[in-house]
Amino acid sequence: MDKVCAYKLSNTYHLIMVQLQPSQSRQKSLPTMYDLPSEDPEEPGLVDEFHDVQPNLLKNTCQSPNYSQKDYFIAKDLNLYYDSEHPLWYKRPDWFLALGAQRSTNQQELRLSYVMWHEVVAPFLVVELLSPGTEDEDLGLTDRKHRKRPTKWEVYEEILQVPYYVIYDRYDNKFRAFVLQSGKYEELELSQGTLWLEELGLGLGLWEGSYEEVKGKWLRFYDAMGNWIPTPEEKVEQERQRADNAEVTIQQLRDRLLQLGVDPNSLP
């Protein structure tokens, strides 16, 4: 049995159908992430170098002021099992964020996959990085063939009803964003090349620079003031620069006191 829930988007409430968890007896018979395969070497669009680096930058800069980091789950290239009626069916988003799905803090409990009939919480944001093998499906250009699995677009739009779907093509440095409106994806006009996510208190945009010693344009998050969220490495460098600047300022003050004939070491 399903229920109707409301979610807020751009100050407007929308009704969506949310699939409830299966009954306890049926849930016990469904496979867990320990029973389901966590990889498939024959799956198209396997991770390449860019598909490893770009998701890392997204994860490292996704620092929401509205949520504790333990209260949302981020994954890259993780099997997402979405249909309890077909428990072996899955998609593997390049990157996704699920609000309200808590991070595992125990090493042995780290997820092998994301199983919707156990997690219940669907992704809030999915990012797909275009590649020649998956481009048509990422853009919703492939038709579902008779009696075959739903396409990626159908899973995100119709089954999981992911509120935000973002696609980035690194070859033309363009990213597109889609928002769920009345059960269908509508493309947003990104006039400034940025996407603001009110629920997160973060925006998503294209930043040009060097990350992991690779120059290019990268998707990364920014704050309400328009400042790019620093990575942990950038934070360390900023602290180092602040410390260096403070040391220079102190030395300048000492030099000035000496010019005035005052021994800085004599001061209380």
Protein backbone atom coordinates (compact mmCIF):
# COMPACT_ATOMS: atom_id res chain seq x y z
CA MET A 1 0.00 0.00 0.00
CA ASP A 2 1.23 3.49 -0.84
CA LYS A 3 0.68 6.80 0.91
CA VAL A 4 0.62 10.39 -0.27
CA CYS A 5 3.27 12.72 1.13
CA ALA A 6 4.05 16.36 0.52
CA TYR A 7 7.46 17.83 -0.09
CA LYS A 8 8.40 21.48 -0.39
CA LEU A 9 10.09 22.77 -3.51
CA SER A 10 10.60 26.49 -4.19
CA ASN A 11 8.03 27.47 -1.55
CA THR A 12 5.43 25.19 -3.17
CA TYR A 13 4.22 21.91 -1.75
CA HIS A 14 3.87 18.96 -4.12
CA LEU A 15 2.19 15.64 -3.53
CA ILE A 16 4.10 12.46 -4.26
CA MET A 17 3.37 8.80 -3.83
CA VAL A 18 5.76 7.15 -1.40
CA GLN A 19 6.06 3.40 -1.33
CA LEU A 20 5.88 2.07 2.18
CA GLN A 21 8.19 -0.63 3.47
CA PRO A 22 7.05 -4.17 2.73
CA SER A 23 5.34 -6.00 5.55
CA GLN A 24 7.70 -7.51 8.11
CA SER A 25 7.06 -11.05 6.91
CA ARG A 26 7.78 -10.11 3.30
CA GLN A 27 10.70 -7.90 4.25
CA LYS A 28 12.37 -10.83 5.98
CA SER A 29 12.26 -12.78 2.72
CA LEU A 30 13.82 -9.98 0.68
CA PRO A 31 17.59 -10.04 0.11
CA THR A 32 19.85 -7.66 2.01
CA MET A 33 22.95 -5.87 0.71
CA TYR A 34 24.94 -8.89 1.90
CA ASP A 35 23.00 -11.14 -0.47
CA LEU A 36 23.01 -8.87 -3.54
CA PRO A 37 25.98 -8.44 -5.88
CA SER A 38 27.91 -5.21 -5.32
CA GLU A 39 29.52 -5.11 -8.74
CA ASP A 40 29.06 -6.33 -12.30
CA PRO A 41 32.12 -6.33 -14.57
CA GLU A 42 29.82 -6.45 -17.63
CA GLU A 43 27.97 -3.26 -16.64
CA PRO A 44 28.60 -0.40 -19.15
CA GLY A 45 30.03 2.86 -17.91
CA LEU A 46 32.46 1.45 -15.38
CA VAL A 47 34.58 3.90 -13.44
CA ASP A 48 37.33 5.71 -15.33
CA GLU A 49 39.78 8.23 -13.89
CA PHE A 50 37.45 11.22 -14.25
CA HIS A 51 34.56 9.26 -12.71
CA ASP A 52 36.76 8.76 -9.66
CA VAL A 53 38.15 12.30 -9.25
CA GLN A 54 35.01 14.38 -9.89
CA PRO A 55 32.80 12.54 -7.35
CA ASN A 56 35.53 12.98 -4.73
CA LEU A 57 35.36 16.76 -5.17
CA LEU A 58 31.57 16.68 -4.84
CA LYS A 59 31.78 14.67 -1.65
CA ASN A 60 34.54 16.81 -0.12
CA THR A 61 32.65 20.06 -0.75
CA CYS A 62 29.15 18.84 0.14
CA GLN A 63 29.12 20.31 3.65
CA SER A 64 25.54 21.33 4.32
CA PRO A 65 24.88 23.89 7.09
CA ASN A 66 21.37 22.44 7.44
CA TYR A 67 22.38 18.86 8.23
CA SER A 68 24.95 17.13 10.37
CA GLN A 69 27.28 15.09 8.18
CA LYS A 70 26.12 11.92 9.91
CA ASP A 71 22.53 12.61 8.82
CA TYR A 72 23.00 12.30 5.08
CA PHE A 73 24.61 9.61 2.98
CA ILE A 74 26.83 10.21 -0.05
CA ALA A 75 27.92 7.53 -2.48
CA LYS A 76 29.70 7.21 -5.80
CA ASP A 77 29.39 4.28 -8.18
CA LEU A 78 27.39 2.25 -5.65
CA ASN A 79 24.72 -0.22 -6.72
CA LEU A 80 21.28 1.21 -5.98
CA TYR A 81 18.63 -1.52 -5.74
CA TYR A 82 15.27 0.13 -6.28
CA ASP A 83 12.52 -2.47 -6.77
CA SER A 84 11.59 -5.09 -4.18
CA GLU A 85 9.48 -6.86 -6.83
CA HIS A 86 12.67 -7.31 -8.88
CA PRO A 87 15.39 -7.45 -6.22
CA LEU A 88 18.24 -7.99 -8.68
CA TRP A 89 17.46 -4.81 -10.62
CA TYR A 90 19.73 -1.89 -9.87
CA LYS A 91 21.28 1.29 -11.21
CA ARG A 92 24.71 2.65 -10.37
CA PRO A 93 24.65 6.46 -10.15
CA ASP A 94 27.98 8.19 -10.57
CA TRP A 95 27.19 10.19 -7.40
CA PHE A 96 24.16 10.58 -5.20
CA LEU A 97 23.08 12.16 -1.94
CA ALA A 98 20.32 10.79 0.33
CA LEU A 99 19.08 13.19 3.00
CA GLY A 100 18.10 11.49 6.23
CA ALA A 101 20.00 8.29 5.47
CA GLN A 102 22.61 8.10 8.16
CA ARG A 103 26.27 7.39 7.52
CA SER A 104 27.74 4.21 8.90
CA THR A 105 30.29 4.97 11.60
CA ASN A 106 31.42 1.38 12.06
CA GLN A 107 33.84 0.03 9.47
CA GLN A 108 32.12 -3.36 9.34
CA GLU A 109 28.76 -1.70 8.66
CA LEU A 110 29.86 0.35 5.65
CA ARG A 111 27.37 -0.21 2.84
CA LEU A 112 28.04 -2.73 0.10
CA SER A 113 25.13 -1.25 -1.85
CA TYR A 114 22.08 0.94 -1.29
CA VAL A 115 18.94 -1.19 -0.98
CA MET A 116 15.75 0.85 -1.11
CA TRP A 117 13.50 -1.63 0.70
CA HIS A 118 15.81 -1.40 3.69
CA GLU A 119 16.90 2.22 3.43
CA VAL A 120 13.41 3.57 2.55
CA VAL A 121 14.97 7.03 1.94
CA ALA A 122 15.35 7.74 -1.77
CA PRO A 123 18.20 9.94 -3.07
CA PHE A 124 17.60 13.68 -2.96
CA LEU A 125 20.17 14.49 -5.64
CA VAL A 126 21.70 12.31 -8.35
CA VAL A 127 24.64 13.38 -10.53
CA GLU A 128 25.53 11.53 -13.69
CA LEU A 129 28.77 12.20 -15.59
CA LEU A 130 28.25 11.74 -19.31
CA SER A 131 30.29 9.12 -21.10
CA PRO A 132 29.87 7.72 -24.64
CA GLY A 133 28.53 4.39 -23.37
CA THR A 134 25.79 5.82 -21.16
CA GLU A 135 25.01 9.26 -22.65
CA ASP A 136 21.67 8.39 -24.23
CA GLU A 137 20.37 6.70 -21.09
CA ASP A 138 21.62 9.51 -18.85
CA LEU A 139 19.69 12.02 -20.99
CA GLY A 140 16.53 9.93 -21.12
CA LEU A 141 16.87 9.30 -24.87
CA THR A 142 16.61 5.52 -24.74
CA ASP A 143 13.29 3.73 -24.87
CA ARG A 144 12.49 0.89 -22.53
CA LYS A 145 12.38 -2.30 -24.54
CA HIS A 146 9.64 -4.85 -24.03
CA ARG A 147 9.99 -6.78 -20.76
CA LYS A 148 13.38 -5.30 -19.96
CA ARG A 149 14.49 -3.24 -17.00
CA PRO A 150 13.47 0.42 -16.81
CA THR A 151 15.96 2.97 -18.02
CA LYS A 152 18.01 5.10 -15.66
CA TRP A 153 15.80 8.11 -16.36
CA GLU A 154 12.64 6.10 -15.58
CA VAL A 155 14.09 4.86 -12.31
CA TYR A 156 15.07 8.34 -11.10
CA GLU A 157 11.92 10.08 -12.35
CA GLU A 158 9.12 7.55 -11.93
CA ILE A 159 10.20 4.93 -9.41
CA LEU A 160 12.45 6.77 -6.94
CA GLN A 161 11.13 10.26 -7.76
CA VAL A 162 14.50 11.87 -7.09
CA PRO A 163 13.82 15.63 -6.63
CA TYR A 164 16.99 16.81 -8.42
CA TYR A 165 18.86 15.18 -11.28
CA VAL A 166 22.08 16.75 -12.58
CA ILE A 167 24.07 15.79 -15.66
CA TYR A 168 27.58 17.03 -16.41
CA ASP A 169 29.47 16.73 -19.70
CA ARG A 170 33.14 17.49 -19.17
CA TYR A 171 33.85 17.73 -22.90
CA ASP A 172 31.72 20.84 -23.43
CA ASN A 173 31.88 21.90 -19.76
CA LYS A 174 28.12 22.05 -19.49
CA PHE A 175 25.90 20.80 -16.76
CA ARG A 176 22.14 20.47 -16.88
CA ALA A 177 19.75 20.24 -13.96
CA PHE A 178 16.28 18.75 -13.80
CA VAL A 179 13.72 19.17 -11.03
CA LEU A 180 10.78 16.89 -10.36
CA GLN A 181 7.52 18.73 -11.04
CA SER A 182 4.20 16.87 -10.87
CA GLY A 183 6.00 13.56 -11.29
CA LYS A 184 8.00 14.61 -14.36
CA TYR A 185 11.44 16.10 -14.80
CA GLU A 186 11.57 19.66 -16.04
CA GLU A 187 14.89 21.17 -17.04
CA LEU A 188 15.88 24.25 -15.09
CA GLU A 189 17.21 27.37 -16.77
CA LEU A 190 20.69 27.83 -15.28
CA SER A 191 21.19 31.43 -16.37
CA GLN A 192 24.23 31.89 -14.13
CA GLY A 193 25.46 28.35 -14.62
CA THR A 194 24.60 27.53 -11.01
CA LEU A 195 21.95 25.54 -9.18
CA TRP A 196 20.84 26.57 -5.68
CA LEU A 197 19.51 23.78 -3.43
CA GLU A 198 17.53 25.43 -0.66
CA GLU A 199 17.07 22.24 1.33
CA LEU A 200 20.84 21.76 1.54
CA GLY A 201 21.74 25.41 2.00
CA LEU A 202 24.26 24.84 -0.78
CA GLY A 203 24.57 25.54 -4.48
CA LEU A 204 26.16 23.56 -7.27
CA GLY A 205 28.24 25.21 -9.97
CA LEU A 206 31.22 24.91 -12.28
CA TRP A 207 34.56 25.88 -10.77
CA GLU A 208 37.67 26.25 -12.87
CA GLY A 209 40.88 25.21 -11.18
CA SER A 210 43.20 22.37 -10.30
CA TYR A 211 41.94 19.48 -8.20
CA GLU A 212 44.19 16.56 -7.35
CA GLU A 213 46.71 18.24 -9.67
CA VAL A 214 44.33 18.06 -12.64
CA LYS A 215 43.26 21.33 -14.29
CA GLY A 216 39.76 21.73 -15.65
CA LYS A 217 36.20 22.77 -14.88
CA TRP A 218 34.68 20.83 -12.04
CA LEU A 219 31.30 20.54 -10.40
CA ARG A 220 31.54 21.61 -6.78
CA PHE A 221 29.38 23.11 -4.05
CA TYR A 222 29.29 26.73 -2.90
CA ASP A 223 27.72 28.46 0.11
CA ALA A 224 25.00 31.10 0.49
CA MET A 225 27.59 33.86 0.04
CA GLY A 226 28.71 32.43 -3.27
CA ASN A 227 32.02 31.13 -1.88
CA TRP A 228 33.27 27.75 -3.00
CA ILE A 229 33.24 25.24 -0.15
CA PRO A 230 36.89 24.39 0.55
CA THR A 231 38.12 20.81 0.51
CA PRO A 232 39.90 19.48 3.61
CA GLU A 233 43.23 20.06 1.87
CA GLU A 234 42.30 23.63 1.02
CA LYS A 235 41.26 24.25 4.63
CA VAL A 236 44.68 23.10 5.83
CA GLU A 237 46.36 25.41 3.33
CA GLN A 238 44.16 28.33 4.39
CA GLU A 239 45.04 27.75 8.04
CA ARG A 240 48.72 27.60 7.13
CA GLN A 241 48.49 30.89 5.25
CA ARG A 242 46.67 32.52 8.17
CA ALA A 243 49.36 31.34 10.54
CA ASP A 244 52.08 32.63 8.21
CA ASN A 245 50.34 36.00 7.91
CA ALA A 246 49.96 36.24 11.70
CA GLU A 247 53.66 35.48 12.14
CA VAL A 248 54.59 38.18 9.61
CA THR A 249 52.36 40.70 11.41
CA ILE A 250 53.93 39.89 14.78
CA GLN A 251 57.43 40.27 13.34
CA GLN A 252 56.49 43.63 11.83
CA LEU A 253 55.26 44.81 15.23
CA ARG A 254 58.49 43.66 16.88
CA ASP A 255 60.54 45.50 14.25
CA ARG A 256 58.52 48.66 14.80
CA LEU A 257 59.02 48.52 18.56
CA LEU A 258 62.77 48.12 18.08
CA GLN A 259 62.77 51.17 15.80
CA LEU A 260 61.11 53.09 18.63
CA GLY A 261 63.77 51.91 21.04
CA VAL A 262 61.54 49.48 22.85
CA ASP A 263 62.72 45.93 23.50
CA PRO A 264 59.73 43.66 22.69
CA ASN A 265 61.09 41.06 25.14
CA SER A 266 60.85 43.56 27.97
CA LEU A 267 57.11 43.99 27.58
CA PRO A 268 54.84 42.16 30.02
